[in-house]
């Protein structure tokens, strides 16, 4: 164990509060990437098999995945600037 210290409250401005917000954000972004990636992959498989209209879903899912990646990369750059 790490000692008998009790956990500090998640009051605004505490280190734990900032870490929690960052962790929840990372989980949400990871979930978004997994869902969009799975959607694009399944649509591509459907298009390869010959399901009508699947290429449209591939294009939409790929565009959304790309935009999410650009937004996440932008957040990392902005986060780095704030810490300096």
Protein backbone atom coordinates (compact mmCIF):
# COMPACT_ATOMS: atom_id res chain seq x y z
CA UNK A 1 0.00 0.00 0.00
CA UNK A 2 1.01 3.60 -0.41
CA UNK A 3 0.40 4.55 3.19
CA UNK A 4 -2.65 5.24 5.25
CA UNK A 5 -3.25 8.68 3.81
CA UNK A 6 -6.83 9.36 2.85
CA UNK A 7 -7.52 10.63 -0.61
CA UNK A 8 -7.71 14.40 -0.88
CA UNK A 9 -11.04 15.89 -1.98
CA UNK A 10 -11.61 16.67 -5.64
CA UNK A 11 -12.08 20.37 -4.95
CA UNK A 12 -11.56 22.83 -7.77
CA UNK A 13 -7.92 23.75 -8.21
CA UNK A 14 -6.47 20.58 -6.71
CA UNK A 15 -3.96 18.45 -8.58
CA UNK A 16 -6.28 15.44 -8.50
CA UNK A 17 -9.06 17.45 -10.14
CA UNK A 18 -6.79 18.40 -13.03
CA UNK A 19 -5.58 14.83 -13.40
CA UNK A 20 -9.15 13.55 -13.40
CA UNK A 21 -10.21 15.96 -16.12
CA UNK A 22 -7.21 14.96 -18.23
CA UNK A 23 -7.83 11.25 -17.73
CA UNK A 24 -11.53 11.45 -18.59
CA UNK A 25 -10.65 13.48 -21.69
CA UNK A 26 -8.11 10.86 -22.77
CA UNK A 27 -10.64 8.06 -22.29
CA UNK A 28 -13.29 9.93 -24.28
CA UNK A 29 -10.90 10.65 -27.17
CA UNK A 30 -9.68 7.05 -27.24
CA UNK A 31 -13.28 5.83 -27.34
CA UNK A 32 -14.07 8.19 -30.21
CA UNK A 33 -11.05 6.98 -32.20
CA UNK A 34 -11.94 3.32 -31.63
CA UNK A 35 -15.56 3.82 -32.67
CA UNK A 36 -14.71 5.84 -35.78
CA UNK A 37 -11.93 3.43 -36.74
CA UNK A 38 -14.21 0.42 -36.33
CA UNK A 39 -16.91 2.15 -38.36
CA UNK A 40 -14.48 2.92 -41.18
CA UNK A 41 -13.07 -0.60 -41.13
CA UNK A 42 -16.47 -2.30 -41.15
CA UNK A 43 -17.70 -0.01 -43.92
CA UNK A 44 -14.57 -0.82 -45.95
CA UNK A 45 -15.19 -4.54 -45.47
CA UNK A 46 -18.79 -4.02 -46.55
CA UNK A 47 -17.63 -2.14 -49.62
CA UNK A 48 -15.16 -4.91 -50.48
CA UNK A 49 -17.92 -7.49 -50.17
CA UNK A 50 -20.17 -5.41 -52.39
CA UNK A 51 -22.72 -3.83 -50.06
CA UNK A 52 -24.32 -0.90 -51.86
CA UNK A 53 -23.48 2.54 -50.47
CA UNK A 54 -20.66 1.38 -48.23
CA UNK A 55 -18.09 3.62 -49.90
CA UNK A 56 -20.09 6.61 -48.71
CA UNK A 57 -19.82 5.37 -45.13
CA UNK A 58 -16.09 4.74 -45.58
CA UNK A 59 -15.61 8.31 -46.78
CA UNK A 60 -17.67 9.83 -43.95
CA UNK A 61 -16.05 7.72 -41.23
CA UNK A 62 -12.57 8.42 -42.58
CA UNK A 63 -13.24 12.17 -42.77
CA UNK A 64 -14.57 12.23 -39.20
CA UNK A 65 -11.61 10.18 -37.97
CA UNK A 66 -9.19 12.55 -39.70
CA UNK A 67 -10.91 15.63 -38.21
CA UNK A 68 -10.83 14.07 -34.74
CA UNK A 69 -7.11 13.34 -35.10
CA UNK A 70 -6.41 16.92 -36.21
CA UNK A 71 -8.44 18.31 -33.30
CA UNK A 72 -6.64 16.05 -30.80
CA UNK A 73 -3.22 16.99 -32.20
CA UNK A 74 -4.18 20.65 -31.94
CA UNK A 75 -5.17 20.13 -28.30
CA UNK A 76 -1.78 18.57 -27.56
CA UNK A 77 0.02 21.55 -29.12
CA UNK A 78 -2.13 24.02 -27.16
CA UNK A 79 -1.63 22.06 -23.93
CA UNK A 80 2.14 22.23 -24.43
CA UNK A 81 2.06 26.00 -24.95
CA UNK A 82 0.02 26.60 -21.78
CA UNK A 83 2.55 24.77 -19.64
CA UNK A 84 5.48 26.89 -20.83
